[in-house]
Amino acid sequence: MTPPAAPSPPAGPWAALDPGRSKCGLVLSDPEGRQIVAAAVLPPEACWQRLQDWRGRPGPEGPEALGRPTGLAGVVVGDGTGSGPWRERLRELGVPVVSEPEAGTTLAARQRYWQLHPPGPLRRLIPPGLRQPPRDWDDVVAQLLLERHLGRTLSRLPGALERA
C-alpha cells in the first residue's frame, strides 16, 4: 500500500517573508510556483504594505498594475525570532500562513546568493566559503523558505530584485 501523497499547496502566487526587526526579506512567486517575480529587502512597515498590495488591494503598486494576478495563495514565514507578531499580523491578509523552520538558512542563503548572482572575476578569486554578498541577502532567505515549502527550487526573473 502506497502512502498518501502530501497535499500540494494551493495554486497561485505565494509570498515568503524572512521577518526581522529592522529589515525583512520578501519574495513573490509566479502563479505556478516556478519562479520568483519580485524580491526585496525592506523595513517591516514597507514589507507589510507590499504584502497588502500583493494581496490585491487597489493601488498603483497592486499586482494588476505589474501584470500579475490579483491575490495570494498564501504566505510562508520563517519561524525565527520575531516571527510571532508577524504570524498574527499576516492573518489579517485572509490567506493561509505557513511557518517554515529557519534553521540553517543564513549559511544556505549565502551560498544560494552566489548561484543567483555569480561572482565577477575578482570575487571568484576569493574562496567560496569566505565570499560575502555585497548587499543584504534577506530576500534570498525568504526564497529558500518558499522553496522548502513548495519542495522545489525556484528560478528568479531578471530584474525581480527591487533596489532600495
Protein backbone atom coordinates (compact mmCIF):
# COMPACT_ATOMS: atom_id res chain seq x y z
CA MET A 1 0.00 0.00 0.00
CA THR A 2 1.46 3.37 -1.01
CA PRO A 3 1.36 6.24 1.46
CA PRO A 4 -0.99 9.11 0.59
CA ALA A 5 0.63 11.91 -1.37
CA ALA A 6 1.37 15.09 0.53
CA PRO A 7 -1.22 17.75 -0.21
CA SER A 8 0.06 20.26 -2.72
CA PRO A 9 -0.02 23.93 -1.77
CA PRO A 10 -2.93 25.95 -3.17
CA ALA A 11 -2.29 27.24 -6.68
CA GLY A 12 -1.49 30.89 -7.20
CA PRO A 13 1.28 33.27 -6.26
CA TRP A 14 2.95 32.61 -2.93
CA ALA A 15 4.83 35.18 -0.87
CA ALA A 16 7.57 34.36 1.62
CA LEU A 17 8.84 36.53 4.43
CA ASP A 18 12.07 36.42 6.42
CA PRO A 19 10.97 38.63 9.33
CA GLY A 20 13.32 40.98 11.12
CA ARG A 21 13.14 43.97 13.42
CA SER A 22 14.84 46.47 11.14
CA LYS A 23 14.60 44.73 7.75
CA CYS A 24 12.71 41.85 6.20
CA GLY A 25 13.32 39.69 3.17
CA LEU A 26 10.31 39.29 0.92
CA VAL A 27 9.66 37.38 -2.32
CA LEU A 28 6.68 36.65 -4.56
CA SER A 29 6.36 33.63 -6.85
CA ASP A 30 4.54 33.38 -10.14
CA PRO A 31 1.12 31.64 -10.03
CA GLU A 32 2.69 28.30 -11.00
CA GLY A 33 5.25 28.49 -8.20
CA ARG A 34 8.18 28.05 -10.60
CA GLN A 35 9.99 31.38 -10.36
CA ILE A 36 10.39 34.48 -8.23
CA VAL A 37 8.85 37.51 -9.90
CA ALA A 38 9.54 40.06 -7.14
CA ALA A 39 12.09 40.24 -4.33
CA ALA A 40 13.07 42.94 -1.86
CA VAL A 41 14.76 43.72 1.44
CA LEU A 42 12.53 46.27 3.14
CA PRO A 43 11.82 47.82 6.54
CA PRO A 44 8.96 45.99 8.31
CA GLU A 45 6.24 48.58 7.55
CA ALA A 46 7.17 48.75 3.86
CA CYS A 47 7.13 44.96 3.80
CA TRP A 48 3.62 44.90 5.30
CA GLN A 49 2.48 47.44 2.71
CA ARG A 50 3.91 45.35 -0.12
CA LEU A 51 2.13 42.22 1.15
CA GLN A 52 -1.15 44.13 1.22
CA ASP A 53 -0.52 45.30 -2.34
CA TRP A 54 0.20 41.75 -3.47
CA ARG A 55 -2.95 40.54 -1.71
CA GLY A 56 -4.90 42.62 -4.17
CA ARG A 57 -5.55 45.94 -2.55
CA PRO A 58 -6.21 48.52 -5.28
CA GLY A 59 -3.41 50.94 -5.87
CA PRO A 60 -0.57 51.87 -8.19
CA GLU A 61 1.65 49.02 -6.94
CA GLY A 62 -1.05 46.32 -6.80
CA PRO A 63 -0.42 43.05 -8.65
CA GLU A 64 -2.67 44.01 -11.55
CA ALA A 65 -0.54 47.09 -12.26
CA LEU A 66 2.51 44.87 -12.60
CA GLY A 67 0.82 42.34 -14.87
CA ARG A 68 0.46 39.84 -12.03
CA PRO A 69 -2.68 38.01 -10.98
CA THR A 70 -4.50 39.58 -8.08
CA GLY A 71 -4.31 37.77 -4.80
CA LEU A 72 -2.04 35.42 -2.93
CA ALA A 73 -2.37 31.70 -2.41
CA GLY A 74 -0.58 32.06 0.91
CA VAL A 75 2.41 33.41 2.83
CA VAL A 76 5.34 31.41 4.15
CA VAL A 77 7.03 32.99 7.16
CA GLY A 78 10.27 31.98 8.86
CA ASP A 79 9.88 30.73 12.42
CA GLY A 80 12.85 32.67 13.84
CA THR A 81 12.96 35.41 16.44
CA GLY A 82 10.24 37.99 15.93
CA SER A 83 8.04 35.77 13.77
CA GLY A 84 5.21 35.51 16.34
CA PRO A 85 3.88 39.06 15.88
CA TRP A 86 4.28 38.71 12.10
CA ARG A 87 2.21 35.49 12.04
CA GLU A 88 -0.55 37.27 13.92
CA ARG A 89 -0.46 40.25 11.59
CA LEU A 90 -0.34 38.10 8.45
CA ARG A 91 -3.67 36.50 9.39
CA GLU A 92 -5.24 39.89 8.58
CA LEU A 93 -4.49 39.19 4.91
CA GLY A 94 -7.05 36.39 4.92
CA VAL A 95 -4.75 33.85 3.23
CA PRO A 96 -3.07 30.72 4.61
CA VAL A 97 0.02 31.50 6.70
CA VAL A 98 2.59 28.71 6.90
CA SER A 99 5.50 28.74 9.33
CA GLU A 100 8.74 27.27 7.98
CA PRO A 101 11.86 26.45 10.06
CA GLU A 102 14.70 28.93 9.54
CA ALA A 103 17.44 26.62 10.82
CA GLY A 104 20.47 26.80 8.54
CA THR A 105 19.00 29.37 6.15
CA THR A 106 21.62 32.09 6.67
CA LEU A 107 24.52 29.95 5.51
CA ALA A 108 22.45 28.30 2.77
CA ALA A 109 21.27 31.71 1.55
CA ARG A 110 24.81 33.00 1.29
CA GLN A 111 25.69 30.04 -0.94
CA ARG A 112 22.47 30.42 -2.93
CA TYR A 113 23.12 34.14 -3.41
CA TRP A 114 26.19 33.28 -5.49
CA GLN A 115 24.16 30.82 -7.58
CA LEU A 116 21.61 33.53 -8.34
CA HIS A 117 24.27 36.22 -8.82
CA PRO A 118 27.53 34.60 -9.97
CA PRO A 119 30.62 36.42 -8.71
CA GLY A 120 32.64 38.60 -11.05
CA PRO A 121 36.22 37.81 -11.99
CA LEU A 122 37.78 39.40 -8.90
CA ARG A 123 35.34 37.85 -6.42
CA ARG A 124 35.96 34.43 -7.98
CA LEU A 125 39.49 34.66 -6.57
CA ILE A 126 38.06 34.61 -3.03
CA PRO A 127 37.38 31.07 -1.74
CA PRO A 128 33.60 30.39 -1.83
CA GLY A 129 33.37 29.92 1.95
CA LEU A 130 34.84 33.39 2.52
CA ARG A 131 32.76 35.32 -0.03
CA GLN A 132 30.27 37.75 1.43
CA PRO A 133 27.47 39.11 -0.77
CA PRO A 134 27.81 42.84 -1.42
CA ARG A 135 24.30 43.54 -0.13
CA ASP A 136 21.80 42.25 2.43
CA TRP A 137 20.51 38.86 1.30
CA ASP A 138 17.35 38.52 3.39
CA ASP A 139 15.34 38.15 0.16
CA VAL A 140 17.35 35.02 -0.64
CA VAL A 141 16.48 33.63 2.81
CA ALA A 142 12.81 34.27 2.02
CA GLN A 143 13.24 32.48 -1.31
CA LEU A 144 14.77 29.46 0.46
CA LEU A 145 11.83 29.36 2.88
CA LEU A 146 9.41 29.34 -0.05
CA GLU A 147 11.42 26.67 -1.87
CA ARG A 148 11.33 24.47 1.24
CA HIS A 149 7.57 24.89 1.46
CA LEU A 150 6.94 24.19 -2.22
CA GLY A 151 9.51 21.39 -2.33
CA ARG A 152 11.36 22.70 -5.38
CA THR A 153 14.00 25.18 -6.47
CA LEU A 154 12.69 28.41 -7.96
CA SER A 155 14.43 30.45 -10.63
CA ARG A 156 14.42 34.22 -10.39
CA LEU A 157 13.26 36.55 -13.13
CA PRO A 158 15.92 39.06 -14.19
CA GLY A 159 15.07 42.36 -12.56
CA ALA A 160 12.96 40.75 -9.81
CA LEU A 161 15.06 42.37 -7.08
CA GLU A 162 13.81 45.76 -6.03
CA ARG A 163 16.70 48.13 -5.37
CA ALA A 164 16.16 50.38 -2.37
